[in-house]
Amino acid sequence: MAALSPKPGIPFLSLVIPAFLLAGLVGTLAVKIDLVGAAPDPVLDEPMTVEIAPRTFAYRDSGEFFRSGFAVDGPIETVSARRPLTIMKYQVTSADYGRCVADGACEPAEPGFTPADPATTPATGVSYDDALDYAGWLTVRTGEVWMLPSDRELAFAAGSRFPDDALGVDIDSANPAERWLADYRREAARKASRDPIPQPLGRFGENEFGLADFAGNIWEWTTTCSRRVNLDKVGRVVNDVSSCGIYVASGKHRAVLSSFVRNPKGGGCAVGVPPDNVGFRLVKDTRWFAAFLAALRERGFPV
């Protein structure tokens, strides 16, 4: 990026000094209203991350889309990511999640699978709410701001491994049998894995950006709410209804799950074939004001 320079005739100090004064004012205000305090002493090493460089990519919008009452594929958008994304290279492990439980900040994962080596096995049996608790705990323990990714951010990081859940039916077709067959073929392709047992980190390899194990047999929670979008005959949005409380988990395909679900096979998957397992990985907010925004969100401010 080229260095910024002031316009001719405008003294450099006249630009810099107000910026410093504003930053100081914001910092003082934050402390006064107890939004931020002294940074905690980090007691945990940060997890291994990869940085996804900015690029333009194709993204099929998440949600159920209907046109004149018939299911259609979501639109493909061209997304320009202008900032790098820092994301965990691997999913959160059972051992790491266990530390949060031991600290009393997380609820225990649902029993059912006991890994031979918790330090190298992804955490499963965790809900969306559990993942949020872990993100808050890790933020305190490392002094950095960690969050669940959105579906779009996960698509950005997953690259060629991100699923395209299109039906592939002509948008102008009004034949319900054609859509039924397309949906049947799609769901058949999503059948449960032959070996759904969580595997050690790295078992499913890396994508072109170094992100490991995406689209293996563990789906990952995102902050993206379930949506139902109705379009008119020419494709314009009639209404767009989001159900926040039901969230998208992405892996081999997208699944929509209630926020409290820990075991998708036991119920709670809104439609289609349930995931083999559900876990998560986090993104790190590297912006200089990330802690300030996190404190505002913690207190209910919509930022």
C-alpha atoms as a PDB file:
ATOM      1  CA  MET A   1       0.000   0.000   0.000  1.00  0.00           C
ATOM      2  CA  ALA A   2       1.352   3.426  -0.897  1.00  0.00           C
ATOM      3  CA  ALA A   3       2.141   5.736   2.001  1.00  0.00           C
ATOM      4  CA  LEU A   4      -0.501   8.321   2.687  1.00  0.00           C
ATOM      5  CA  SER A   5       0.557  11.938   2.315  1.00  0.00           C
ATOM      6  CA  PRO A   6      -1.305  15.151   3.111  1.00  0.00           C
ATOM      7  CA  LYS A   7      -2.626  17.383   0.376  1.00  0.00           C
ATOM      8  CA  PRO A   8      -0.321  20.185  -0.754  1.00  0.00           C
ATOM      9  CA  GLY A   9      -0.537  23.201   1.471  1.00  0.00           C
ATOM     10  CA  ILE A  10      -1.872  21.314   4.506  1.00  0.00           C
ATOM     11  CA  PRO A  11       0.706  20.999   7.310  1.00  0.00           C
ATOM     12  CA  PHE A  12       1.351  17.411   8.276  1.00  0.00           C
ATOM     13  CA  LEU A  13       1.034  18.116  12.004  1.00  0.00           C
ATOM     14  CA  SER A  14      -2.414  19.600  11.474  1.00  0.00           C
ATOM     15  CA  LEU A  15      -3.552  16.162  10.362  1.00  0.00           C
ATOM     16  CA  VAL A  16      -1.678  14.015  12.853  1.00  0.00           C
ATOM     17  CA  ILE A  17      -2.368  15.936  16.065  1.00  0.00           C
ATOM     18  CA  PRO A  18      -6.201  15.770  15.825  1.00  0.00           C
ATOM     19  CA  ALA A  19      -5.974  12.041  15.133  1.00  0.00           C
ATOM     20  CA  PHE A  20      -3.886  11.464  18.253  1.00  0.00           C
ATOM     21  CA  LEU A  21      -6.194  13.648  20.311  1.00  0.00           C
ATOM     22  CA  LEU A  22      -9.220  11.700  19.083  1.00  0.00           C
ATOM     23  CA  ALA A  23      -7.566   8.372  19.888  1.00  0.00           C
ATOM     24  CA  GLY A  24      -6.698   9.613  23.353  1.00  0.00           C
ATOM     25  CA  LEU A  25     -10.234  10.844  23.933  1.00  0.00           C
ATOM     26  CA  VAL A  26     -11.720   7.495  22.887  1.00  0.00           C
ATOM     27  CA  GLY A  27      -9.287   5.626  25.140  1.00  0.00           C
ATOM     28  CA  THR A  28     -10.055   7.841  28.120  1.00  0.00           C
ATOM     29  CA  LEU A  29     -13.791   7.497  27.574  1.00  0.00           C
ATOM     30  CA  ALA A  30     -13.482   3.727  27.326  1.00  0.00           C
ATOM     31  CA  VAL A  31     -11.689   3.523  30.662  1.00  0.00           C
ATOM     32  CA  LYS A  32     -14.095   5.961  32.339  1.00  0.00           C
ATOM     33  CA  ILE A  33     -17.142   3.909  31.399  1.00  0.00           C
ATOM     34  CA  ASP A  34     -15.318   0.651  32.172  1.00  0.00           C
ATOM     35  CA  LEU A  35     -15.324  -0.629  28.612  1.00  0.00           C
ATOM     36  CA  VAL A  36     -11.696  -1.543  28.789  1.00  0.00           C
ATOM     37  CA  GLY A  37      -9.234  -1.960  31.566  1.00  0.00           C
ATOM     38  CA  ALA A  38      -5.753  -3.244  31.989  1.00  0.00           C
ATOM     39  CA  ALA A  39      -4.948  -6.023  29.541  1.00  0.00           C
ATOM     40  CA  PRO A  40      -4.981  -9.423  31.256  1.00  0.00           C
ATOM     41  CA  ASP A  41      -1.723 -11.297  31.575  1.00  0.00           C
ATOM     42  CA  PRO A  42      -1.915 -13.958  28.844  1.00  0.00           C
ATOM     43  CA  VAL A  43      -1.804 -17.416  30.377  1.00  0.00           C
ATOM     44  CA  LEU A  44      -2.282 -19.351  27.152  1.00  0.00           C
ATOM     45  CA  ASP A  45      -0.272 -19.415  23.977  1.00  0.00           C
ATOM     46  CA  GLU A  46      -2.264 -18.358  20.948  1.00  0.00           C
ATOM     47  CA  PRO A  47      -3.431 -21.200  18.713  1.00  0.00           C
ATOM     48  CA  MET A  48      -1.777 -21.728  15.339  1.00  0.00           C
ATOM     49  CA  THR A  49      -3.363 -19.548  12.662  1.00  0.00           C
ATOM     50  CA  VAL A  50      -3.188 -18.926   8.936  1.00  0.00           C
ATOM     51  CA  GLU A  51      -3.674 -15.557   7.272  1.00  0.00           C
ATOM     52  CA  ILE A  52      -5.880 -15.556   4.193  1.00  0.00           C
ATOM     53  CA  ALA A  53      -4.793 -12.793   1.818  1.00  0.00           C
ATOM     54  CA  PRO A  54      -7.402 -10.426   0.326  1.00  0.00           C
ATOM     55  CA  ARG A  55      -8.936 -11.594  -2.942  1.00  0.00           C
ATOM     56  CA  THR A  56     -12.143 -11.657  -4.955  1.00  0.00           C
ATOM     57  CA  PHE A  57     -14.105 -14.902  -4.805  1.00  0.00           C
ATOM     58  CA  ALA A  58     -17.476 -16.377  -5.791  1.00  0.00           C
ATOM     59  CA  TYR A  59     -19.883 -17.054  -2.938  1.00  0.00           C
ATOM     60  CA  ARG A  60     -23.304 -18.694  -3.154  1.00  0.00           C
ATOM     61  CA  ASP A  61     -25.479 -16.958  -0.616  1.00  0.00           C
ATOM     62  CA  SER A  62     -26.673 -19.132   2.268  1.00  0.00           C
ATOM     63  CA  GLY A  63     -30.350 -19.734   2.919  1.00  0.00           C
ATOM     64  CA  GLU A  64     -33.409 -21.333   1.382  1.00  0.00           C
ATOM     65  CA  PHE A  65     -34.577 -19.448  -1.698  1.00  0.00           C
ATOM     66  CA  PHE A  66     -38.020 -19.791  -3.276  1.00  0.00           C
ATOM     67  CA  ARG A  67     -39.357 -18.289  -6.485  1.00  0.00           C
ATOM     68  CA  SER A  68     -43.113 -18.335  -6.978  1.00  0.00           C
ATOM     69  CA  GLY A  69     -43.306 -21.108  -4.398  1.00  0.00           C
ATOM     70  CA  PHE A  70     -40.604 -23.320  -5.954  1.00  0.00           C
ATOM     71  CA  ALA A  71     -37.193 -23.946  -4.416  1.00  0.00           C
ATOM     72  CA  VAL A  72     -34.354 -22.320  -6.389  1.00  0.00           C
ATOM     73  CA  ASP A  73     -30.617 -21.992  -5.915  1.00  0.00           C
ATOM     74  CA  GLY A  74     -29.260 -19.075  -3.947  1.00  0.00           C
ATOM     75  CA  PRO A  75     -27.568 -16.360  -5.995  1.00  0.00           C
ATOM     76  CA  ILE A  76     -23.820 -16.401  -6.558  1.00  0.00           C
ATOM     77  CA  GLU A  77     -22.171 -13.167  -5.493  1.00  0.00           C
ATOM     78  CA  THR A  78     -18.753 -11.847  -6.385  1.00  0.00           C
ATOM     79  CA  VAL A  79     -17.229 -10.870  -3.054  1.00  0.00           C
ATOM     80  CA  SER A  80     -14.151  -8.652  -2.763  1.00  0.00           C
ATOM     81  CA  ALA A  81     -12.406  -9.231   0.561  1.00  0.00           C
ATOM     82  CA  ARG A  82     -10.226  -6.175   1.138  1.00  0.00           C
ATOM     83  CA  ARG A  83      -8.639  -7.212   4.429  1.00  0.00           C
ATOM     84  CA  PRO A  84      -6.731 -10.374   5.335  1.00  0.00           C
ATOM     85  CA  LEU A  85      -8.470 -12.883   7.572  1.00  0.00           C
ATOM     86  CA  THR A  86      -6.636 -14.514  10.472  1.00  0.00           C
ATOM     87  CA  ILE A  87      -8.211 -17.871  11.296  1.00  0.00           C
ATOM     88  CA  MET A  88      -7.240 -20.947  13.296  1.00  0.00           C
ATOM     89  CA  LYS A  89      -5.390 -23.439  11.132  1.00  0.00           C
ATOM     90  CA  TYR A  90      -7.048 -26.344  12.942  1.00  0.00           C
ATOM     91  CA  GLN A  91     -10.350 -26.814  14.706  1.00  0.00           C
ATOM     92  CA  VAL A  92     -10.395 -26.301  18.480  1.00  0.00           C
ATOM     93  CA  THR A  93      -9.191 -29.495  20.161  1.00  0.00           C
ATOM     94  CA  SER A  94     -10.790 -31.502  22.937  1.00  0.00           C
ATOM     95  CA  ALA A  95      -7.894 -30.622  25.242  1.00  0.00           C
ATOM     96  CA  ASP A  96      -8.215 -26.885  24.580  1.00  0.00           C
ATOM     97  CA  TYR A  97     -11.969 -26.986  25.121  1.00  0.00           C
ATOM     98  CA  GLY A  98     -11.375 -28.996  28.299  1.00  0.00           C
ATOM     99  CA  ARG A  99      -9.263 -26.142  29.708  1.00  0.00           C
ATOM    100  CA  CYS A 100     -12.228 -23.820  29.279  1.00  0.00           C
ATOM    101  CA  VAL A 101     -14.435 -26.351  31.085  1.00  0.00           C
ATOM    102  CA  ALA A 102     -11.878 -26.670  33.890  1.00  0.00           C
ATOM    103  CA  ASP A 103     -11.911 -22.878  34.293  1.00  0.00           C
ATOM    104  CA  GLY A 104     -15.680 -22.945  34.675  1.00  0.00           C
ATOM    105  CA  ALA A 105     -16.216 -20.822  31.569  1.00  0.00           C
ATOM    106  CA  CYS A 106     -17.592 -23.591  29.312  1.00  0.00           C
ATOM    107  CA  GLU A 107     -20.116 -26.384  29.724  1.00  0.00           C
ATOM    108  CA  PRO A 108     -18.760 -29.919  29.242  1.00  0.00           C
ATOM    109  CA  ALA A 109     -19.042 -31.340  25.745  1.00  0.00           C
ATOM    110  CA  GLU A 110     -21.710 -33.976  25.240  1.00  0.00           C
ATOM    111  CA  PRO A 111     -20.272 -37.376  26.096  1.00  0.00           C
ATOM    112  CA  GLY A 112     -20.249 -40.157  23.558  1.00  0.00           C
ATOM    113  CA  PHE A 113     -16.756 -40.115  22.085  1.00  0.00           C
ATOM    114  CA  THR A 114     -13.566 -40.330  24.111  1.00  0.00           C
ATOM    115  CA  PRO A 115     -10.511 -39.383  22.056  1.00  0.00           C
ATOM    116  CA  ALA A 116      -7.293 -41.344  22.536  1.00  0.00           C
ATOM    117  CA  ASP A 117      -5.353 -38.059  22.454  1.00  0.00           C
ATOM    118  CA  PRO A 118      -7.468 -35.001  23.324  1.00  0.00           C
ATOM    119  CA  ALA A 119      -4.581 -32.680  22.378  1.00  0.00           C
ATOM    120  CA  THR A 120      -4.724 -33.749  18.730  1.00  0.00           C
ATOM    121  CA  THR A 121      -8.443 -34.471  18.318  1.00  0.00           C
ATOM    122  CA  PRO A 122     -11.026 -31.781  17.476  1.00  0.00           C
ATOM    123  CA  ALA A 123     -13.642 -30.974  20.094  1.00  0.00           C
ATOM    124  CA  THR A 124     -17.090 -32.307  19.182  1.00  0.00           C
ATOM    125  CA  GLY A 125     -20.391 -32.462  21.012  1.00  0.00           C
ATOM    126  CA  VAL A 126     -20.358 -28.680  21.419  1.00  0.00           C
ATOM    127  CA  SER A 127     -23.191 -26.284  20.637  1.00  0.00           C
ATOM    128  CA  TYR A 128     -23.139 -22.833  19.101  1.00  0.00           C
ATOM    129  CA  ASP A 129     -23.585 -21.379  22.579  1.00  0.00           C
ATOM    130  CA  ASP A 130     -20.622 -23.447  23.815  1.00  0.00           C
ATOM    131  CA  ALA A 131     -18.474 -22.106  20.977  1.00  0.00           C
ATOM    132  CA  LEU A 132     -19.349 -18.530  21.926  1.00  0.00           C
ATOM    133  CA  ASP A 133     -18.403 -19.227  25.543  1.00  0.00           C
ATOM    134  CA  TYR A 134     -15.065 -20.639  24.421  1.00  0.00           C
ATOM    135  CA  ALA A 135     -14.382 -17.600  22.220  1.00  0.00           C
ATOM    136  CA  GLY A 136     -14.995 -15.309  25.194  1.00  0.00           C
ATOM    137  CA  TRP A 137     -12.745 -17.406  27.422  1.00  0.00           C
ATOM    138  CA  LEU A 138      -9.931 -17.518  24.853  1.00  0.00           C
ATOM    139  CA  THR A 139     -10.175 -13.757  24.399  1.00  0.00           C
ATOM    140  CA  VAL A 140      -9.581 -13.239  28.117  1.00  0.00           C
ATOM    141  CA  ARG A 141      -6.840 -15.845  28.350  1.00  0.00           C
ATOM    142  CA  THR A 142      -4.798 -14.626  25.369  1.00  0.00           C
ATOM    143  CA  GLY A 143      -5.514 -10.896  25.398  1.00  0.00           C
ATOM    144  CA  GLU A 144      -6.633 -11.090  21.757  1.00  0.00           C
ATOM    145  CA  VAL A 145     -10.160 -10.921  20.368  1.00  0.00           C
ATOM    146  CA  TRP A 146     -11.504 -14.257  19.050  1.00  0.00           C
ATOM    147  CA  MET A 147     -14.864 -14.818  17.369  1.00  0.00           C
ATOM    148  CA  LEU A 148     -16.777 -17.415  15.421  1.00  0.00           C
ATOM    149  CA  PRO A 149     -16.570 -16.794  11.661  1.00  0.00           C
ATOM    150  CA  SER A 150     -19.551 -16.049   9.483  1.00  0.00           C
ATOM    151  CA  ASP A 151     -20.417 -18.483   6.686  1.00  0.00           C
ATOM    152  CA  ARG A 152     -18.973 -16.010   4.201  1.00  0.00           C
ATOM    153  CA  GLU A 153     -15.702 -15.730   6.148  1.00  0.00           C
ATOM    154  CA  LEU A 154     -15.447 -19.513   6.309  1.00  0.00           C
ATOM    155  CA  ALA A 155     -16.038 -19.693   2.550  1.00  0.00           C
ATOM    156  CA  PHE A 156     -13.268 -17.125   2.065  1.00  0.00           C
ATOM    157  CA  ALA A 157     -10.863 -19.227   4.134  1.00  0.00           C
ATOM    158  CA  ALA A 158     -11.963 -22.636   2.825  1.00  0.00           C
ATOM    159  CA  GLY A 159     -11.490 -21.691  -0.827  1.00  0.00           C
ATOM    160  CA  SER A 160     -11.897 -24.637  -3.183  1.00  0.00           C
ATOM    161  CA  ARG A 161     -13.058 -26.895  -0.336  1.00  0.00           C
ATOM    162  CA  PHE A 162     -16.173 -24.885   0.399  1.00  0.00           C
ATOM    163  CA  PRO A 163     -19.329 -26.732  -0.722  1.00  0.00           C
ATOM    164  CA  ASP A 164     -21.698 -25.550  -3.438  1.00  0.00           C
ATOM    165  CA  ASP A 165     -25.122 -26.686  -2.264  1.00  0.00           C
ATOM    166  CA  ALA A 166     -26.923 -25.819  -5.507  1.00  0.00           C
ATOM    167  CA  LEU A 167     -29.785 -27.982  -6.737  1.00  0.00           C
ATOM    168  CA  GLY A 168     -28.778 -27.281 -10.320  1.00  0.00           C
ATOM    169  CA  VAL A 169     -32.369 -26.942 -11.546  1.00  0.00           C
ATOM    170  CA  ASP A 170     -33.424 -24.432 -14.199  1.00  0.00           C
ATOM    171  CA  ILE A 171     -34.739 -21.421 -12.318  1.00  0.00           C
ATOM    172  CA  ASP A 172     -37.645 -21.112 -14.784  1.00  0.00           C
ATOM    173  CA  SER A 173     -38.748 -24.724 -14.359  1.00  0.00           C
ATOM    174  CA  ALA A 174     -42.113 -25.211 -12.672  1.00  0.00           C
ATOM    175  CA  ASN A 175     -41.848 -29.003 -12.616  1.00  0.00           C
ATOM    176  CA  PRO A 176     -41.931 -30.155  -8.954  1.00  0.00           C
ATOM    177  CA  ALA A 177     -40.714 -33.652  -9.910  1.00  0.00           C
ATOM    178  CA  GLU A 178     -37.533 -32.187 -11.357  1.00  0.00           C
ATOM    179  CA  ARG A 179     -36.815 -30.406  -8.100  1.00  0.00           C
ATOM    180  CA  TRP A 180     -37.670 -33.469  -6.028  1.00  0.00           C
ATOM    181  CA  LEU A 181     -35.232 -35.598  -8.013  1.00  0.00           C
ATOM    182  CA  ALA A 182     -32.514 -32.947  -7.781  1.00  0.00           C
ATOM    183  CA  ASP A 183     -32.976 -32.706  -4.026  1.00  0.00           C
ATOM    184  CA  TYR A 184     -32.955 -36.511  -3.705  1.00  0.00           C
ATOM    185  CA  ARG A 185     -29.668 -36.756  -5.628  1.00  0.00           C
ATOM    186  CA  ARG A 186     -28.134 -33.998  -3.507  1.00  0.00           C
ATOM    187  CA  GLU A 187     -29.163 -35.601  -0.219  1.00  0.00           C
ATOM    188  CA  ALA A 188     -27.960 -39.019  -1.395  1.00  0.00           C
ATOM    189  CA  ALA A 189     -24.549 -37.493  -2.098  1.00  0.00           C
ATOM    190  CA  ARG A 190     -24.536 -36.136   1.451  1.00  0.00           C
ATOM    191  CA  LYS A 191     -25.037 -39.516   3.101  1.00  0.00           C
ATOM    192  CA  ALA A 192     -23.220 -40.087   6.353  1.00  0.00           C
ATOM    193  CA  SER A 193     -19.529 -40.908   6.237  1.00  0.00           C
ATOM    194  CA  ARG A 194     -18.409 -44.512   6.446  1.00  0.00           C
ATOM    195  CA  ASP A 195     -16.117 -43.498   9.286  1.00  0.00           C
ATOM    196  CA  PRO A 196     -17.717 -40.625  11.249  1.00  0.00           C
ATOM    197  CA  ILE A 197     -15.319 -40.919  14.210  1.00  0.00           C
ATOM    198  CA  PRO A 198     -13.387 -37.627  14.712  1.00  0.00           C
ATOM    199  CA  GLN A 199      -9.871 -37.961  13.335  1.00  0.00           C
ATOM    200  CA  PRO A 200      -6.554 -36.460  14.524  1.00  0.00           C
ATOM    201  CA  LEU A 201      -5.622 -32.962  13.358  1.00  0.00           C
ATOM    202  CA  GLY A 202      -4.302 -32.947   9.803  1.00  0.00           C
ATOM    203  CA  ARG A 203      -6.053 -36.191   8.785  1.00  0.00           C
ATOM    204  CA  PHE A 204      -8.012 -34.442   6.024  1.00  0.00           C
ATOM    205  CA  GLY A 205      -5.131 -32.337   4.702  1.00  0.00           C
ATOM    206  CA  GLU A 206      -4.899 -28.643   3.878  1.00  0.00           C
ATOM    207  CA  ASN A 207      -6.467 -26.417   1.269  1.00  0.00           C
ATOM    208  CA  GLU A 208      -4.597 -24.042  -1.011  1.00  0.00           C
ATOM    209  CA  PHE A 209      -4.272 -21.469   1.804  1.00  0.00           C
ATOM    210  CA  GLY A 210      -2.994 -23.841   4.499  1.00  0.00           C
ATOM    211  CA  LEU A 211      -6.349 -24.214   6.290  1.00  0.00           C
ATOM    212  CA  ALA A 212      -6.485 -27.756   7.646  1.00  0.00           C
ATOM    213  CA  ASP A 213      -9.262 -30.350   7.818  1.00  0.00           C
ATOM    214  CA  PHE A 214     -12.153 -28.300   6.456  1.00  0.00           C
ATOM    215  CA  ALA A 215     -14.909 -30.496   4.943  1.00  0.00           C
ATOM    216  CA  GLY A 216     -13.645 -33.621   6.692  1.00  0.00           C
ATOM    217  CA  ASN A 217     -16.155 -35.288   9.021  1.00  0.00           C
ATOM    218  CA  ILE A 218     -16.569 -32.295  11.343  1.00  0.00           C
ATOM    219  CA  TRP A 219     -18.880 -29.415  10.484  1.00  0.00           C
ATOM    220  CA  GLU A 220     -18.065 -25.970  11.877  1.00  0.00           C
ATOM    221  CA  TRP A 221     -20.363 -23.478  13.572  1.00  0.00           C
ATOM    222  CA  THR A 222     -20.759 -20.030  12.015  1.00  0.00           C
ATOM    223  CA  THR A 223     -22.560 -16.871  13.120  1.00  0.00           C
ATOM    224  CA  THR A 224     -24.771 -16.910  10.011  1.00  0.00           C
ATOM    225  CA  CYS A 225     -28.474 -17.189  10.785  1.00  0.00           C
ATOM    226  CA  SER A 226     -30.834 -19.507   8.935  1.00  0.00           C
ATOM    227  CA  ARG A 227     -32.774 -17.623   6.236  1.00  0.00           C
ATOM    228  CA  ARG A 228     -35.817 -18.117   4.021  1.00  0.00           C
ATOM    229  CA  VAL A 229     -35.958 -15.765   1.039  1.00  0.00           C
ATOM    230  CA  ASN A 230     -38.974 -15.472  -1.257  1.00  0.00           C
ATOM    231  CA  LEU A 231     -38.464 -14.064  -4.752  1.00  0.00           C
ATOM    232  CA  ASP A 232     -41.017 -12.912  -7.297  1.00  0.00           C
ATOM    233  CA  LYS A 233     -41.216 -14.135 -10.903  1.00  0.00           C
ATOM    234  CA  VAL A 234     -38.395 -11.858 -12.033  1.00  0.00           C
ATOM    235  CA  GLY A 235     -36.122 -12.711  -9.112  1.00  0.00           C
ATOM    236  CA  ARG A 236     -36.695  -9.677  -6.885  1.00  0.00           C
ATOM    237  CA  VAL A 237     -36.790 -10.230  -3.134  1.00  0.00           C
ATOM    238  CA  VAL A 238     -40.333 -10.241  -1.747  1.00  0.00           C
ATOM    239  CA  ASN A 239     -39.278 -10.998   1.828  1.00  0.00           C
ATOM    240  CA  ASP A 240     -36.184 -12.207   3.641  1.00  0.00           C
ATOM    241  CA  VAL A 241     -36.759 -13.811   7.033  1.00  0.00           C
ATOM    242  CA  SER A 242     -33.824 -14.750   9.257  1.00  0.00           C
ATOM    243  CA  SER A 243     -34.059 -17.141  12.195  1.00  0.00           C
ATOM    244  CA  CYS A 244     -31.281 -16.235  14.601  1.00  0.00           C
ATOM    245  CA  GLY A 245     -31.246 -19.055  17.099  1.00  0.00           C
ATOM    246  CA  ILE A 246     -30.785 -21.468  14.193  1.00  0.00           C
ATOM    247  CA  TYR A 247     -27.315 -21.188  12.678  1.00  0.00           C
ATOM    248  CA  VAL A 248     -25.409 -22.493   9.700  1.00  0.00           C
ATOM    249  CA  ALA A 249     -22.723 -25.113  10.281  1.00  0.00           C
ATOM    250  CA  SER A 250     -20.531 -25.667   7.230  1.00  0.00           C
ATOM    251  CA  GLY A 251     -18.468 -28.659   6.171  1.00  0.00           C
ATOM    252  CA  LYS A 252     -19.118 -31.147   3.381  1.00  0.00           C
ATOM    253  CA  HIS A 253     -22.400 -29.304   3.003  1.00  0.00           C
ATOM    254  CA  ARG A 254     -24.245 -26.586   4.872  1.00  0.00           C
ATOM    255  CA  ALA A 255     -26.462 -27.669   7.731  1.00  0.00           C
ATOM    256  CA  VAL A 256     -28.768 -25.535   9.850  1.00  0.00           C
ATOM    257  CA  LEU A 257     -28.841 -26.338  13.544  1.00  0.00           C
ATOM    258  CA  SER A 258     -30.439 -24.921  16.666  1.00  0.00           C
ATOM    259  CA  SER A 259     -27.917 -23.038  18.794  1.00  0.00           C
ATOM    260  CA  PHE A 260     -28.204 -25.479  21.711  1.00  0.00           C
ATOM    261  CA  VAL A 261     -27.619 -28.667  19.679  1.00  0.00           C
ATOM    262  CA  ARG A 262     -24.494 -30.628  20.610  1.00  0.00           C
ATOM    263  CA  ASN A 263     -25.196 -33.895  18.814  1.00  0.00           C
ATOM    264  CA  PRO A 264     -26.722 -33.270  15.369  1.00  0.00           C
ATOM    265  CA  LYS A 265     -27.528 -36.960  14.926  1.00  0.00           C
ATOM    266  CA  GLY A 266     -29.792 -36.847  17.949  1.00  0.00           C
ATOM    267  CA  GLY A 267     -32.069 -34.205  16.450  1.00  0.00           C
ATOM    268  CA  GLY A 268     -31.957 -30.483  15.866  1.00  0.00           C
ATOM    269  CA  CYS A 269     -30.876 -30.519  12.228  1.00  0.00           C
ATOM    270  CA  ALA A 270     -33.544 -28.438  10.533  1.00  0.00           C
ATOM    271  CA  VAL A 271     -33.417 -30.124   7.118  1.00  0.00           C
ATOM    272  CA  GLY A 272     -31.513 -32.777   5.212  1.00  0.00           C
ATOM    273  CA  VAL A 273     -28.737 -35.145   6.223  1.00  0.00           C
ATOM    274  CA  PRO A 274     -27.275 -34.198   9.622  1.00  0.00           C
ATOM    275  CA  PRO A 275     -23.538 -33.595  10.053  1.00  0.00           C
ATOM    276  CA  ASP A 276     -21.356 -36.445  11.320  1.00  0.00           C
ATOM    277  CA  ASN A 277     -20.029 -34.181  14.077  1.00  0.00           C
ATOM    278  CA  VAL A 278     -20.075 -30.496  14.907  1.00  0.00           C
ATOM    279  CA  GLY A 279     -17.109 -28.476  16.194  1.00  0.00           C
ATOM    280  CA  PHE A 280     -15.625 -25.068  15.471  1.00  0.00           C
ATOM    281  CA  ARG A 281     -12.614 -22.878  14.797  1.00  0.00           C
ATOM    282  CA  LEU A 282     -12.274 -19.150  15.481  1.00  0.00           C
ATOM    283  CA  VAL A 283     -11.061 -16.051  13.690  1.00  0.00           C
ATOM    284  CA  LYS A 284      -8.930 -13.387  15.340  1.00  0.00           C
ATOM    285  CA  ASP A 285      -9.914  -9.747  15.020  1.00  0.00           C
ATOM    286  CA  THR A 286      -6.596  -8.005  14.352  1.00  0.00           C
ATOM    287  CA  ARG A 287      -7.944  -4.464  14.092  1.00  0.00           C
ATOM    288  CA  TRP A 288      -6.408  -2.033  16.586  1.00  0.00           C
ATOM    289  CA  PHE A 289      -9.839  -1.180  18.010  1.00  0.00           C
ATOM    290  CA  ALA A 290     -11.003  -4.838  18.229  1.00  0.00           C
ATOM    291  CA  ALA A 291     -10.959  -4.912  22.042  1.00  0.00           C
ATOM    292  CA  PHE A 292     -13.075  -1.749  22.202  1.00  0.00           C
ATOM    293  CA  LEU A 293     -15.708  -3.256  19.870  1.00  0.00           C
ATOM    294  CA  ALA A 294     -15.673  -6.537  21.786  1.00  0.00           C
ATOM    295  CA  ALA A 295     -16.347  -4.675  25.027  1.00  0.00           C
ATOM    296  CA  LEU A 296     -19.261  -2.848  23.428  1.00  0.00           C
ATOM    297  CA  ARG A 297     -20.736  -6.107  22.129  1.00  0.00           C
ATOM    298  CA  GLU A 298     -20.320  -7.676  25.572  1.00  0.00           C
ATOM    299  CA  ARG A 299     -22.511  -4.888  26.966  1.00  0.00           C
ATOM    300  CA  GLY A 300     -25.196  -5.307  24.327  1.00  0.00           C
ATOM    301  CA  PHE A 301     -24.279  -2.497  21.939  1.00  0.00           C
ATOM    302  CA  PRO A 302     -25.117  -3.415  18.297  1.00  0.00           C
ATOM    303  CA  VAL A 303     -21.660  -3.039  16.694  1.00  0.00           C
END
